């Protein structure tokens, strides 16, 4: 028989769990299943404890506590950002009305669907990364991997809390299904395609945390605008933690590029594979793949569902409050660039509200460019006359208006035969993946690091790189 949960000590929270017996019972039923999932699908490397950040509050005075913690004793808390008493709906047909503290009956199914989709991504990434600890390039990186993993688990708790607290039996059933679907499962895969891709090596992990977690930032940002206040406040707090995940990706790619640049200069050649480095062309292929897969997460460029969510006030735009328009979008339009069968590009004029996914995707693309600028600066400072870049948004797409076409990284529309002949130049081949995999050897000694990546500039929470972030079992 499972032990009862001590809500005040084992689950840090600011949702008054201790006084809500119905919610307590619901979570008591779900918590052992979560732990079974964590045991079966969480990190495979056995550790004694890990230097982790644990959310303990939402206040400005400090929201997290750092300490060595056993992974299976991590305190997956439930936190919502502080409530804004006078908050009003910022967009759609209900604009100006007070935000909702309960789920309106007419939007129940749509809100539940949005929460389930968001919730489904959280455990998926843990599953995708479960074997990476076996090949960590340093204790610092190993700690960051586990930090990402436990916080994705906490984000799952955040969505499950909403399902349990506001959607009754159906919500509880959906919360259980979040643990039954698994990344890459042929029978019960995760809902979104990118979360069924394998994260087989650390370069892929850095790319995932740069590109795919950045998609998560923008999705959470739109839900943060929701008229359903508990969802808005939950996502606002999740964004605090998501920032660290993107930091892992940004600086991780920084360090790979820096090490490759160092080897290029040291050996006066771009062919650094024999010297234990990752060539720039393979880094570019990884960028091409992870960026294009992440673009698919934004869905089709035109979407009546997104338009309906916006009109209803369920899901807004990125930084909705800063937009200088009527926040209803019923009378404005824009152009959608579309490929044509004759190999040329055309433009279709559509209502702005139908292109909300495209709007969000464009915000994301502009953000992604900052990383490429960083990486090219590293190359330039090393005196290397090569540049990395993002491919055309239509490249390697499986969702939306471009999915029926083959488009090169430069935006040229190709026939299938030309694409097939050329795609090995643009996407990682099995040989590329095997080579990168060959570099993935664990380095678990304090202050040591693998040969293919540079050490970080700074440690975690003021600790040095040499700090013993992980005690292995």
Protein backbone atom coordinates (compact mmCIF):
# COMPACT_ATOMS: atom_id res chain seq x y z
CA UNK A 1 0.00 0.00 0.00
CA UNK A 2 1.41 3.40 -1.00
CA UNK A 3 2.32 5.82 1.77
CA UNK A 4 0.16 8.92 2.00
CA UNK A 5 1.72 12.06 0.58
CA UNK A 6 2.85 14.77 2.95
CA UNK A 7 1.72 17.72 0.87
CA UNK A 8 3.45 20.38 2.89
CA UNK A 9 6.85 18.65 2.94
CA UNK A 10 7.03 16.31 -0.04
CA UNK A 11 5.24 18.47 -2.61
CA UNK A 12 6.11 22.14 -2.26
CA UNK A 13 3.08 24.04 -3.44
CA UNK A 14 1.21 27.31 -3.32
CA UNK A 15 -2.19 25.90 -4.28
CA UNK A 16 -3.30 25.05 -0.72
CA UNK A 17 -3.22 21.29 -1.25
CA UNK A 18 -3.45 20.55 2.45
CA UNK A 19 -7.01 21.92 2.64
CA UNK A 20 -8.37 20.29 -0.53
CA UNK A 21 -9.24 16.67 0.30
CA UNK A 22 -10.67 15.91 -3.15
CA UNK A 23 -7.51 17.05 -4.87
CA UNK A 24 -5.37 15.22 -2.33
CA UNK A 25 -7.14 11.94 -3.10
CA UNK A 26 -6.76 12.48 -6.83
CA UNK A 27 -3.02 13.12 -6.52
CA UNK A 28 -2.62 10.23 -4.07
CA UNK A 29 -3.93 7.98 -6.81
CA UNK A 30 -1.66 9.45 -9.48
CA UNK A 31 1.59 9.96 -7.56
CA UNK A 32 2.63 6.24 -7.34
CA UNK A 33 1.96 5.86 -11.07
CA UNK A 34 4.19 8.85 -11.74
CA UNK A 35 6.95 7.27 -9.66
CA UNK A 36 6.58 3.99 -11.56
CA UNK A 37 6.86 5.92 -14.82
CA UNK A 38 9.96 7.76 -13.53
CA UNK A 39 11.52 4.45 -12.53
CA UNK A 40 10.81 2.83 -15.89
CA UNK A 41 11.23 5.77 -18.29
CA UNK A 42 13.45 8.24 -16.39
CA UNK A 43 17.27 8.44 -16.35
CA UNK A 44 19.00 5.06 -16.63
CA UNK A 45 22.32 6.06 -15.03
CA UNK A 46 22.32 5.25 -11.33
CA UNK A 47 23.41 8.07 -9.05
CA UNK A 48 23.66 8.63 -5.33
CA UNK A 49 22.62 12.27 -5.55
CA UNK A 50 22.73 15.30 -7.87
CA UNK A 51 23.21 19.04 -7.23
CA UNK A 52 19.73 20.24 -8.26
CA UNK A 53 17.56 23.33 -8.21
CA UNK A 54 14.20 22.75 -6.57
CA UNK A 55 11.34 25.22 -6.90
CA UNK A 56 10.14 26.21 -3.43
CA UNK A 57 8.30 29.50 -3.95
CA UNK A 58 7.26 32.05 -6.57
CA UNK A 59 8.40 35.20 -4.77
CA UNK A 60 10.97 37.66 -6.01
CA UNK A 61 13.09 37.04 -2.92
CA UNK A 62 14.08 33.67 -4.36
CA UNK A 63 12.12 30.81 -5.83
CA UNK A 64 14.57 27.93 -5.84
CA UNK A 65 16.77 25.97 -3.46
CA UNK A 66 20.03 24.27 -4.54
CA UNK A 67 21.33 21.11 -2.89
CA UNK A 68 22.40 17.54 -3.55
CA UNK A 69 19.23 15.43 -3.89
CA UNK A 70 18.54 11.81 -4.73
CA UNK A 71 16.72 11.85 -8.06
CA UNK A 72 13.78 9.72 -6.94
CA UNK A 73 13.39 11.93 -3.85
CA UNK A 74 13.19 15.17 -5.85
CA UNK A 75 10.25 17.30 -4.68
CA UNK A 76 8.11 17.81 -7.76
CA UNK A 77 6.16 20.80 -6.56
CA UNK A 78 3.09 22.59 -7.88
CA UNK A 79 3.44 26.34 -8.27
CA UNK A 80 1.37 29.03 -9.92
CA UNK A 81 2.65 32.56 -10.38
CA UNK A 82 1.12 35.05 -7.96
CA UNK A 83 -2.43 36.05 -8.81
CA UNK A 84 -3.08 39.45 -10.31
CA UNK A 85 -6.36 40.42 -8.63
CA UNK A 86 -7.65 42.77 -11.33
CA UNK A 87 -6.42 40.83 -14.34
CA UNK A 88 -8.73 41.01 -17.36
CA UNK A 89 -8.92 39.10 -20.61
CA UNK A 90 -6.58 40.70 -23.13
CA UNK A 91 -7.88 39.50 -26.50
CA UNK A 92 -10.73 37.86 -28.37
CA UNK A 93 -14.45 38.32 -28.04
CA UNK A 94 -14.29 38.42 -24.22
CA UNK A 95 -11.62 41.13 -24.15
CA UNK A 96 -11.96 43.38 -21.14
CA UNK A 97 -13.94 40.90 -19.02
CA UNK A 98 -12.46 39.49 -15.78
CA UNK A 99 -10.34 36.38 -16.33
CA UNK A 100 -11.87 33.01 -15.41
CA UNK A 101 -11.02 31.17 -12.19
CA UNK A 102 -13.09 28.16 -13.28
CA UNK A 103 -13.43 26.46 -16.66
CA UNK A 104 -16.38 27.81 -18.67
CA UNK A 105 -18.56 24.92 -19.83
CA UNK A 106 -18.48 25.94 -23.50
CA UNK A 107 -14.66 25.88 -23.56
CA UNK A 108 -14.12 22.81 -21.38
CA UNK A 109 -13.15 20.42 -24.19
CA UNK A 110 -10.83 22.91 -25.90
CA UNK A 111 -9.04 23.88 -22.69
CA UNK A 112 -8.59 20.26 -21.70
CA UNK A 113 -7.14 19.48 -25.13
CA UNK A 114 -4.63 22.36 -24.89
CA UNK A 115 -3.49 21.23 -21.43
CA UNK A 116 -3.17 17.59 -22.51
CA UNK A 117 -1.05 18.50 -25.55
CA UNK A 118 1.24 20.67 -23.42
CA UNK A 119 1.37 18.00 -20.70
CA UNK A 120 2.23 15.28 -23.22
CA UNK A 121 5.45 17.04 -24.25
CA UNK A 122 6.86 17.19 -20.70
CA UNK A 123 7.45 13.48 -19.94
CA UNK A 124 8.27 12.87 -23.60
CA UNK A 125 11.57 14.73 -23.43
CA UNK A 126 12.57 12.78 -20.29
CA UNK A 127 11.95 9.56 -22.22
CA UNK A 128 13.92 10.81 -25.22
CA UNK A 129 16.92 11.66 -23.01
CA UNK A 130 16.86 8.74 -20.61
CA UNK A 131 20.11 7.09 -21.83
CA UNK A 132 22.19 10.26 -22.22
CA UNK A 133 23.59 10.06 -18.69
CA UNK A 134 25.58 7.01 -19.77
CA UNK A 135 27.68 9.17 -22.12
CA UNK A 136 27.84 12.56 -20.37
CA UNK A 137 30.88 14.65 -21.36
CA UNK A 138 31.34 15.97 -17.79
CA UNK A 139 29.73 16.00 -14.35
CA UNK A 140 28.60 19.57 -15.07
CA UNK A 141 26.72 18.41 -18.17
CA UNK A 142 25.36 15.37 -16.37
CA UNK A 143 23.94 17.63 -13.68
CA UNK A 144 22.32 19.88 -16.29
CA UNK A 145 20.73 16.88 -18.00
CA UNK A 146 19.18 15.73 -14.73
CA UNK A 147 18.05 19.29 -13.91
CA UNK A 148 16.20 19.44 -17.22
CA UNK A 149 14.71 15.99 -16.60
CA UNK A 150 13.36 16.69 -13.11
CA UNK A 151 11.92 20.05 -14.20
CA UNK A 152 10.17 18.49 -17.17
CA UNK A 153 8.73 16.09 -14.61
CA UNK A 154 7.60 19.06 -12.52
CA UNK A 155 5.98 20.61 -15.58
CA UNK A 156 4.08 17.36 -16.00
CA UNK A 157 2.90 17.73 -12.40
CA UNK A 158 1.81 21.30 -13.24
CA UNK A 159 -0.41 20.13 -16.09
CA UNK A 160 -1.70 17.15 -14.11
CA UNK A 161 -2.65 19.50 -11.29
CA UNK A 162 -4.84 21.47 -13.72
CA UNK A 163 -6.43 18.30 -15.09
CA UNK A 164 -7.16 16.97 -11.60
CA UNK A 165 -8.29 20.26 -10.09
CA UNK A 166 -10.57 21.49 -12.91
CA UNK A 167 -11.63 18.62 -15.19
CA UNK A 168 -13.02 15.91 -12.88
CA UNK A 169 -12.93 12.22 -13.82
CA UNK A 170 -12.16 12.96 -17.45
CA UNK A 171 -9.17 15.04 -16.37
CA UNK A 172 -7.93 12.24 -14.10
CA UNK A 173 -8.19 9.77 -16.99
CA UNK A 174 -6.25 12.13 -19.23
CA UNK A 175 -3.59 12.54 -16.51
CA UNK A 176 -3.09 8.76 -16.45
CA UNK A 177 -2.86 8.64 -20.24
CA UNK A 178 0.05 11.09 -20.06
CA UNK A 179 2.03 8.29 -18.42
CA UNK A 180 0.81 5.56 -20.77
CA UNK A 181 1.92 7.21 -24.00
CA UNK A 182 5.68 6.93 -24.55
CA UNK A 183 8.11 8.63 -26.91
CA UNK A 184 8.61 6.53 -30.04
CA UNK A 185 6.17 3.80 -28.95
CA UNK A 186 4.69 2.10 -32.05
CA UNK A 187 1.43 1.48 -30.19
CA UNK A 188 1.04 4.60 -28.08
CA UNK A 189 3.39 7.38 -29.26
CA UNK A 190 3.50 10.93 -27.97
CA UNK A 191 1.03 13.32 -29.62
CA UNK A 192 3.54 15.56 -31.43
CA UNK A 193 6.02 14.10 -33.91
CA UNK A 194 9.17 15.85 -32.64
CA UNK A 195 8.70 14.17 -29.27
CA UNK A 196 8.95 10.75 -30.87
CA UNK A 197 12.39 11.47 -32.36
CA UNK A 198 15.36 9.90 -30.63
CA UNK A 199 17.85 12.08 -28.73
CA UNK A 200 20.75 9.69 -29.17
CA UNK A 201 23.79 11.87 -28.48
CA UNK A 202 24.79 15.04 -26.66
CA UNK A 203 24.96 17.24 -29.73
CA UNK A 204 21.34 16.28 -30.34
CA UNK A 205 20.58 17.10 -26.68
CA UNK A 206 22.08 20.57 -27.01
CA UNK A 207 20.12 21.10 -30.24
CA UNK A 208 16.93 19.84 -28.60
CA UNK A 209 17.30 22.17 -25.64
CA UNK A 210 18.08 25.07 -27.98
CA UNK A 211 15.45 24.55 -30.69
CA UNK A 212 12.72 22.32 -29.27
CA UNK A 213 12.68 23.74 -25.75
CA UNK A 214 12.56 27.17 -27.37
CA UNK A 215 9.38 26.09 -29.11
CA UNK A 216 8.15 25.21 -25.61
CA UNK A 217 8.92 28.75 -24.50
CA UNK A 218 6.69 30.20 -27.22
CA UNK A 219 3.88 27.71 -26.64
CA UNK A 220 3.93 28.46 -22.90
CA UNK A 221 4.02 32.16 -23.74
CA UNK A 222 0.73 31.91 -25.66
CA UNK A 223 -0.92 29.88 -22.87
CA UNK A 224 0.33 32.45 -20.36
CA UNK A 225 -2.03 34.91 -22.08
CA UNK A 226 -5.04 32.60 -21.52
CA UNK A 227 -8.26 33.90 -20.01
CA UNK A 228 -8.29 30.75 -17.83
CA UNK A 229 -6.24 32.24 -15.01
CA UNK A 230 -4.90 29.03 -13.37
CA UNK A 231 -3.47 27.95 -16.74
CA UNK A 232 -1.96 31.39 -17.30
CA UNK A 233 -0.32 31.47 -13.88
CA UNK A 234 0.96 27.90 -14.20
CA UNK A 235 2.64 28.64 -17.53
CA UNK A 236 4.10 31.90 -16.28
CA UNK A 237 5.98 30.03 -13.56
CA UNK A 238 7.04 27.22 -15.92
CA UNK A 239 8.73 29.82 -18.12
CA UNK A 240 11.17 30.54 -15.25
CA UNK A 241 12.47 26.99 -15.41
CA UNK A 242 12.34 26.74 -19.19
CA UNK A 243 14.92 29.53 -19.41
CA UNK A 244 17.56 27.26 -17.90
CA UNK A 245 16.76 24.50 -20.39
CA UNK A 246 17.41 26.89 -23.27
CA UNK A 247 20.58 28.09 -21.53
CA UNK A 248 21.80 24.48 -21.58
CA UNK A 249 21.15 24.33 -25.32
CA UNK A 250 22.59 27.73 -26.19
CA UNK A 251 25.81 27.32 -24.24
CA UNK A 252 26.06 23.64 -25.17
CA UNK A 253 26.19 24.45 -28.89
CA UNK A 254 28.49 27.40 -28.05
CA UNK A 255 30.94 24.97 -26.47
CA UNK A 256 30.82 22.46 -29.31
CA UNK A 257 31.46 25.21 -31.87
CA UNK A 258 34.26 26.66 -29.72
CA UNK A 259 35.99 23.29 -29.43
CA UNK A 260 35.63 22.61 -33.16
CA UNK A 261 37.09 26.05 -33.91
CA UNK A 262 39.99 25.32 -31.58
CA UNK A 263 40.75 22.03 -33.37
CA UNK A 264 40.43 23.65 -36.81
CA UNK A 265 43.06 26.22 -35.88
CA UNK A 266 45.30 23.73 -34.07
CA UNK A 267 45.42 21.31 -37.01
CA UNK A 268 44.90 23.85 -39.81
CA UNK A 269 42.08 21.83 -41.37
CA UNK A 270 38.29 21.66 -41.36
CA UNK A 271 38.55 17.88 -41.35
CA UNK A 272 38.73 17.60 -37.56
CA UNK A 273 36.96 14.27 -37.23
CA UNK A 274 40.28 12.36 -37.05
CA UNK A 275 41.28 14.71 -34.21
CA UNK A 276 38.20 13.97 -32.12
CA UNK A 277 36.16 17.08 -32.99
CA UNK A 278 32.78 17.53 -34.65
CA UNK A 279 33.19 19.09 -38.12
CA UNK A 280 31.22 22.25 -38.83
CA UNK A 281 29.27 20.57 -41.63
CA UNK A 282 27.89 17.99 -39.19
CA UNK A 283 26.95 20.76 -36.73
CA UNK A 284 25.13 22.48 -39.62
CA UNK A 285 23.27 19.26 -40.46
CA UNK A 286 22.14 18.93 -36.85
CA UNK A 287 20.92 22.54 -36.93
CA UNK A 288 19.01 21.82 -40.15
CA UNK A 289 17.32 18.76 -38.68
CA UNK A 290 16.40 20.01 -35.21
CA UNK A 291 15.30 23.43 -36.44
CA UNK A 292 13.03 22.01 -39.16
CA UNK A 293 11.52 19.38 -36.86
CA UNK A 294 10.86 22.06 -34.25
CA UNK A 295 9.14 24.29 -36.84
CA UNK A 296 6.64 21.47 -37.38
CA UNK A 297 5.61 21.85 -33.72
CA UNK A 298 3.97 25.16 -34.58
CA UNK A 299 1.45 23.31 -36.75
CA UNK A 300 0.05 24.37 -40.08
CA UNK A 301 0.57 28.02 -41.05
CA UNK A 302 -3.20 28.46 -41.29
CA UNK A 303 -5.41 27.08 -38.54
CA UNK A 304 -9.08 27.52 -37.75
CA UNK A 305 -8.46 25.86 -34.37
CA UNK A 306 -5.87 28.50 -33.46
CA UNK A 307 -8.27 31.22 -34.67
CA UNK A 308 -11.09 29.79 -32.55
CA UNK A 309 -8.82 29.50 -29.48
CA UNK A 310 -7.84 33.14 -29.93
CA UNK A 311 -11.40 34.39 -30.40
CA UNK A 312 -12.51 32.46 -27.31
CA UNK A 313 -9.62 33.85 -25.23
CA UNK A 314 -8.02 30.45 -24.60
CA UNK A 315 -4.63 31.02 -26.24
CA UNK A 316 -3.16 34.38 -27.22
CA UNK A 317 -0.17 35.59 -29.20
CA UNK A 318 3.39 35.93 -27.96
CA UNK A 319 3.49 39.08 -25.80
CA UNK A 320 -0.13 39.88 -26.59
CA UNK A 321 -0.15 42.96 -24.38
CA UNK A 322 2.59 44.64 -26.42
CA UNK A 323 0.75 44.30 -29.74
CA UNK A 324 -0.56 47.54 -31.19
CA UNK A 325 -3.84 46.41 -32.75
CA UNK A 326 -7.43 45.70 -31.72
CA UNK A 327 -6.59 42.27 -30.19
CA UNK A 328 -9.51 40.74 -32.09
CA UNK A 329 -7.96 40.50 -35.58
CA UNK A 330 -11.26 40.31 -37.43
CA UNK A 331 -10.52 43.02 -40.01
CA UNK A 332 -6.85 42.59 -40.89
CA UNK A 333 -4.98 40.38 -43.32
CA UNK A 334 -1.54 39.30 -44.42
CA UNK A 335 0.37 37.33 -47.01
CA UNK A 336 1.32 33.68 -46.77
CA UNK A 337 4.26 32.61 -48.93
CA UNK A 338 3.44 29.30 -50.61
CA UNK A 339 5.35 26.97 -52.92
CA UNK A 340 3.90 26.21 -56.36
CA UNK A 341 4.11 22.97 -58.35
CA UNK A 342 5.99 24.80 -61.12
CA UNK A 343 8.88 25.41 -58.69
CA UNK A 344 8.15 29.08 -58.00
CA UNK A 345 6.96 30.86 -54.87
CA UNK A 346 3.62 32.60 -54.65
CA UNK A 347 1.72 34.56 -52.02
CA UNK A 348 -1.81 34.11 -50.75
CA UNK A 349 -3.71 36.85 -48.92
CA UNK A 350 -5.46 35.57 -45.81
CA UNK A 351 -7.07 36.88 -42.66
CA UNK A 352 -4.57 37.61 -39.87
CA UNK A 353 -6.50 35.49 -37.40
CA UNK A 354 -6.10 32.43 -39.61
CA UNK A 355 -2.31 32.81 -39.56
CA UNK A 356 -1.67 32.86 -35.81
CA UNK A 357 0.54 29.79 -35.98
CA UNK A 358 2.64 31.57 -38.59
CA UNK A 359 2.80 34.66 -36.38
CA UNK A 360 4.14 32.60 -33.48
CA UNK A 361 6.54 30.71 -35.72
CA UNK A 362 8.00 33.99 -37.02
CA UNK A 363 8.61 35.17 -33.45
CA UNK A 364 10.42 31.88 -32.80
CA UNK A 365 12.54 32.13 -35.95
CA UNK A 366 13.72 35.61 -34.99
CA UNK A 367 14.72 34.28 -31.56
CA UNK A 368 16.57 31.30 -33.08
CA UNK A 369 18.66 33.68 -35.19
CA UNK A 370 20.26 35.02 -32.01
CA UNK A 371 21.88 31.65 -31.37
CA UNK A 372 23.28 31.45 -34.87
CA UNK A 373 24.74 34.93 -34.43
CA UNK A 374 26.44 33.76 -31.21
CA UNK A 375 27.90 30.69 -32.86
CA UNK A 376 29.17 32.65 -35.87
CA UNK A 377 30.77 35.16 -33.53
CA UNK A 378 32.73 32.32 -31.94
CA UNK A 379 33.95 31.25 -35.38
CA UNK A 380 34.82 34.81 -36.38
CA UNK A 381 36.77 35.43 -33.17
CA UNK A 382 38.75 32.28 -33.95
CA UNK A 383 39.55 33.69 -37.38
CA UNK A 384 37.51 31.04 -39.19
CA UNK A 385 35.81 32.22 -42.39
CA UNK A 386 32.78 29.91 -42.22
CA UNK A 387 29.25 30.60 -41.03
CA UNK A 388 26.44 28.49 -39.64
CA UNK A 389 22.87 29.41 -40.55
CA UNK A 390 19.23 28.50 -40.25
CA UNK A 391 17.77 26.79 -43.33
CA UNK A 392 14.75 28.18 -45.16
CA UNK A 393 11.53 27.65 -43.10
CA UNK A 394 10.19 25.37 -45.86
CA UNK A 395 13.16 23.00 -45.64
CA UNK A 396 12.43 19.40 -44.51
CA UNK A 397 8.90 20.12 -43.40
CA UNK A 398 6.25 17.51 -42.66
CA UNK A 399 3.48 19.83 -41.48
CA UNK A 400 1.80 22.75 -43.24
CA UNK A 401 1.82 24.26 -46.72
CA UNK A 402 5.39 23.17 -47.43
CA UNK A 403 4.98 19.53 -46.46
CA UNK A 404 4.11 18.38 -49.99
CA UNK A 405 7.23 19.99 -51.47
CA UNK A 406 10.97 19.43 -51.36
CA UNK A 407 12.77 22.68 -50.58
CA UNK A 408 16.53 23.19 -50.24
CA UNK A 409 18.09 25.11 -47.30
CA UNK A 410 18.36 28.09 -49.71
CA UNK A 411 14.63 27.99 -50.45
CA UNK A 412 14.84 26.41 -53.90
CA UNK A 413 11.87 24.15 -54.72
CA UNK A 414 13.21 20.82 -55.98
CA UNK A 415 11.82 17.72 -57.65
CA UNK A 416 11.96 14.53 -55.61
CA UNK A 417 14.91 13.02 -57.46
CA UNK A 418 17.06 16.13 -56.95
CA UNK A 419 16.09 16.25 -53.28
CA UNK A 420 16.96 12.58 -52.78
CA UNK A 421 20.37 13.03 -54.39
CA UNK A 422 21.17 16.12 -52.33
CA UNK A 423 19.56 15.53 -48.93
CA UNK A 424 22.61 13.73 -47.51
CA UNK A 425 24.46 17.06 -47.81
CA UNK A 426 21.87 18.77 -45.63
CA UNK A 427 20.65 16.28 -43.04
CA UNK A 428 22.64 13.95 -40.76
CA UNK A 429 23.38 10.65 -42.46
CA UNK A 430 23.71 7.33 -40.66
CA UNK A 431 27.51 7.74 -41.02
CA UNK A 432 27.33 11.20 -39.39
CA UNK A 433 25.26 9.85 -36.52
CA UNK A 434 27.60 6.88 -36.06
CA UNK A 435 30.61 9.21 -35.99
CA UNK A 436 29.08 11.53 -33.39
CA UNK A 437 28.01 8.50 -31.39
CA UNK A 438 31.63 7.26 -31.47
CA UNK A 439 32.69 10.42 -29.58
CA UNK A 440 30.14 9.89 -26.84
CA UNK A 441 32.26 8.41 -24.08
CA UNK A 442 31.44 9.30 -20.48
CA UNK A 443 33.74 11.56 -18.51
CA UNK A 444 32.81 11.36 -14.84
CA UNK A 445 36.01 12.73 -13.24
CA UNK A 446 35.75 16.11 -11.48
CA UNK A 447 37.08 18.95 -13.62
CA UNK A 448 37.53 16.73 -16.69
CA UNK A 449 35.66 17.01 -20.00
CA UNK A 450 35.32 15.12 -23.29
CA UNK A 451 37.56 16.07 -26.19
CA UNK A 452 34.79 17.25 -28.52
CA UNK A 453 33.35 20.04 -26.34
CA UNK A 454 34.88 23.04 -24.54
CA UNK A 455 34.35 23.47 -20.78
CA UNK A 456 31.71 25.99 -19.65
CA UNK A 457 32.67 29.55 -18.81
CA UNK A 458 30.90 29.39 -15.44
CA UNK A 459 29.55 26.69 -13.15
CA UNK A 460 26.10 26.37 -11.61
CA UNK A 461 24.93 28.67 -8.80
CA UNK A 462 28.41 30.11 -8.30
CA UNK A 463 30.08 26.72 -8.06
CA UNK A 464 33.22 26.07 -10.13
CA UNK A 465 33.28 23.69 -13.09
CA UNK A 466 35.35 21.32 -10.92
CA UNK A 467 32.56 21.02 -8.35
CA UNK A 468 31.28 17.48 -7.76
CA UNK A 469 27.81 18.12 -9.18
CA UNK A 470 26.91 14.42 -9.25
CA UNK A 471 27.80 11.60 -6.88
CA UNK A 472 27.56 8.39 -8.87
CA UNK A 473 26.21 5.24 -7.26
